Amino acid sequence: MYYYVQPGDSMHSIAMAYNTTVSDLMDLNPQIRNPHRIHVGERIRVSSGDHWGGHNYWGRNEIQRGHEEARRGHEEYRRGRAEYQRGHEESSRHHSW
């Protein structure tokens, strides 16, 4: 997983946000020679494989919650689309031109 550096970010703040260490981030990003010199818009790798950062697995719960939220959103969209379709069909019956 990658993160794009935002204004005000530091390697320390990014490491804290992803529950890892600056050292682990540096290991994942050999292109960064100085952790004090990162730039807005720079892409930084924050995870390797299925675990996040160094030795922290808390991200799996976050991913699972994200999948569940996406599924709920899709279901809500599907229900709304069906309701729209029913309303459109009813309107067409009443206003057959």
C-alpha atoms as a PDB file:
ATOM      1  CA  MET A   1       0.000   0.000   0.000  1.00  0.00           C
ATOM      2  CA  TYR A   2       1.217   3.485  -0.788  1.00  0.00           C
ATOM      3  CA  TYR A   3       0.662   6.886   0.772  1.00  0.00           C
ATOM      4  CA  TYR A   4       1.100  10.241  -0.940  1.00  0.00           C
ATOM      5  CA  VAL A   5       2.814  12.848   1.225  1.00  0.00           C
ATOM      6  CA  GLN A   6       0.554  15.754   2.212  1.00  0.00           C
ATOM      7  CA  PRO A   7       1.546  19.252   3.380  1.00  0.00           C
ATOM      8  CA  GLY A   8       2.792  19.079   6.985  1.00  0.00           C
ATOM      9  CA  ASP A   9       3.619  15.361   6.880  1.00  0.00           C
ATOM     10  CA  SER A  10       6.818  13.915   8.270  1.00  0.00           C
ATOM     11  CA  MET A  11       8.071  10.353   8.208  1.00  0.00           C
ATOM     12  CA  HIS A  12       7.312  10.261  11.926  1.00  0.00           C
ATOM     13  CA  SER A  13       3.682  11.390  11.482  1.00  0.00           C
ATOM     14  CA  ILE A  14       3.178   8.908   8.628  1.00  0.00           C
ATOM     15  CA  ALA A  15       4.707   6.111  10.717  1.00  0.00           C
ATOM     16  CA  MET A  16       2.391   6.987  13.619  1.00  0.00           C
ATOM     17  CA  ALA A  17      -0.657   7.039  11.324  1.00  0.00           C
ATOM     18  CA  TYR A  18       0.166   3.551  10.039  1.00  0.00           C
ATOM     19  CA  ASN A  19       1.186   2.172  13.438  1.00  0.00           C
ATOM     20  CA  THR A  20       4.762   1.482  12.402  1.00  0.00           C
ATOM     21  CA  THR A  21       8.201   3.057  12.785  1.00  0.00           C
ATOM     22  CA  VAL A  22      10.285   5.436  10.709  1.00  0.00           C
ATOM     23  CA  SER A  23      12.885   2.667  10.490  1.00  0.00           C
ATOM     24  CA  ASP A  24      10.339   0.270   8.968  1.00  0.00           C
ATOM     25  CA  LEU A  25       9.209   2.944   6.502  1.00  0.00           C
ATOM     26  CA  MET A  26      12.815   3.576   5.522  1.00  0.00           C
ATOM     27  CA  ASP A  27      13.291  -0.157   4.911  1.00  0.00           C
ATOM     28  CA  LEU A  28      10.227  -0.155   2.639  1.00  0.00           C
ATOM     29  CA  ASN A  29      11.446   2.960   0.794  1.00  0.00           C
ATOM     30  CA  PRO A  30      15.125   2.638  -0.129  1.00  0.00           C
ATOM     31  CA  GLN A  31      14.724   5.580  -2.522  1.00  0.00           C
ATOM     32  CA  ILE A  32      14.421   7.893   0.511  1.00  0.00           C
ATOM     33  CA  ARG A  33      17.922   8.613   1.730  1.00  0.00           C
ATOM     34  CA  ASN A  34      17.030  11.200   4.374  1.00  0.00           C
ATOM     35  CA  PRO A  35      13.803  10.787   6.400  1.00  0.00           C
ATOM     36  CA  HIS A  36      13.802  14.541   7.059  1.00  0.00           C
ATOM     37  CA  ARG A  37      13.576  15.318   3.333  1.00  0.00           C
ATOM     38  CA  ILE A  38      10.273  14.122   1.934  1.00  0.00           C
ATOM     39  CA  HIS A  39       8.181  16.158  -0.475  1.00  0.00           C
ATOM     40  CA  VAL A  40       4.464  16.838  -0.930  1.00  0.00           C
ATOM     41  CA  GLY A  41       3.078  14.430  -3.513  1.00  0.00           C
ATOM     42  CA  GLU A  42       5.871  11.893  -3.040  1.00  0.00           C
ATOM     43  CA  ARG A  43       4.654   8.284  -2.997  1.00  0.00           C
ATOM     44  CA  ILE A  44       5.765   6.331   0.064  1.00  0.00           C
ATOM     45  CA  ARG A  45       5.230   2.644   0.576  1.00  0.00           C
ATOM     46  CA  VAL A  46       3.587   2.085   3.954  1.00  0.00           C
ATOM     47  CA  SER A  47       2.912  -1.633   3.855  1.00  0.00           C
ATOM     48  CA  SER A  48       4.406  -4.796   2.543  1.00  0.00           C
ATOM     49  CA  GLY A  49       2.172  -7.656   1.463  1.00  0.00           C
ATOM     50  CA  ASP A  50      -0.747  -8.228   3.798  1.00  0.00           C
ATOM     51  CA  HIS A  51       0.775  -6.622   6.836  1.00  0.00           C
ATOM     52  CA  TRP A  52       1.123  -2.949   7.493  1.00  0.00           C
ATOM     53  CA  GLY A  53       4.380  -1.349   8.381  1.00  0.00           C
ATOM     54  CA  GLY A  54       6.866  -3.435  10.298  1.00  0.00           C
ATOM     55  CA  HIS A  55       5.213  -6.010  12.497  1.00  0.00           C
ATOM     56  CA  ASN A  56       1.748  -4.560  12.978  1.00  0.00           C
ATOM     57  CA  TYR A  57      -1.385  -6.306  11.782  1.00  0.00           C
ATOM     58  CA  TRP A  58      -4.014  -3.801  12.946  1.00  0.00           C
ATOM     59  CA  GLY A  59      -4.636  -2.850   9.301  1.00  0.00           C
ATOM     60  CA  ARG A  60      -6.556  -6.035   8.608  1.00  0.00           C
ATOM     61  CA  ASN A  61      -9.404  -4.833  10.824  1.00  0.00           C
ATOM     62  CA  GLU A  62      -9.412  -1.493   9.024  1.00  0.00           C
ATOM     63  CA  ILE A  63      -9.516  -3.246   5.658  1.00  0.00           C
ATOM     64  CA  GLN A  64     -12.354  -5.512   6.800  1.00  0.00           C
ATOM     65  CA  ARG A  65     -14.361  -2.510   8.016  1.00  0.00           C
ATOM     66  CA  GLY A  66     -13.726  -0.800   4.684  1.00  0.00           C
ATOM     67  CA  HIS A  67     -14.972  -3.824   2.761  1.00  0.00           C
ATOM     68  CA  GLU A  68     -18.091  -4.002   4.931  1.00  0.00           C
ATOM     69  CA  GLU A  69     -18.760  -0.289   4.439  1.00  0.00           C
ATOM     70  CA  ALA A  70     -18.306  -0.652   0.682  1.00  0.00           C
ATOM     71  CA  ARG A  71     -20.714  -3.600   0.644  1.00  0.00           C
ATOM     72  CA  ARG A  72     -23.306  -1.607   2.620  1.00  0.00           C
ATOM     73  CA  GLY A  73     -22.855   1.323   0.253  1.00  0.00           C
ATOM     74  CA  HIS A  74     -23.342  -0.922  -2.760  1.00  0.00           C
ATOM     75  CA  GLU A  75     -26.506  -2.399  -1.264  1.00  0.00           C
ATOM     76  CA  GLU A  76     -27.839   1.069  -0.511  1.00  0.00           C
ATOM     77  CA  TYR A  77     -27.073   2.141  -4.079  1.00  0.00           C
ATOM     78  CA  ARG A  78     -28.794  -0.985  -5.449  1.00  0.00           C
ATOM     79  CA  ARG A  79     -31.914  -0.327  -3.351  1.00  0.00           C
ATOM     80  CA  GLY A  80     -31.974   3.320  -4.404  1.00  0.00           C
ATOM     81  CA  ARG A  81     -31.567   2.365  -8.057  1.00  0.00           C
ATOM     82  CA  ALA A  82     -34.457  -0.127  -7.801  1.00  0.00           C
ATOM     83  CA  GLU A  83     -36.644   2.508  -6.117  1.00  0.00           C
ATOM     84  CA  TYR A  84     -35.782   5.012  -8.841  1.00  0.00           C
ATOM     85  CA  GLN A  85     -36.653   2.430 -11.520  1.00  0.00           C
ATOM     86  CA  ARG A  86     -40.025   1.696  -9.877  1.00  0.00           C
ATOM     87  CA  GLY A  87     -40.803   5.406  -9.700  1.00  0.00           C
ATOM     88  CA  HIS A  88     -39.790   5.911 -13.312  1.00  0.00           C
ATOM     89  CA  GLU A  89     -42.018   3.033 -14.476  1.00  0.00           C
ATOM     90  CA  GLU A  90     -44.947   4.344 -12.420  1.00  0.00           C
ATOM     91  CA  SER A  91     -44.454   7.826 -13.816  1.00  0.00           C
ATOM     92  CA  SER A  92     -44.358   6.423 -17.343  1.00  0.00           C
ATOM     93  CA  ARG A  93     -47.671   4.628 -16.784  1.00  0.00           C
ATOM     94  CA  HIS A  94     -49.345   7.837 -15.564  1.00  0.00           C
ATOM     95  CA  HIS A  95     -47.830  10.025 -18.256  1.00  0.00           C
ATOM     96  CA  SER A  96     -47.914   7.839 -21.318  1.00  0.00           C
ATOM     97  CA  TRP A  97     -47.300  10.369 -24.033  1.00  0.00           C
END
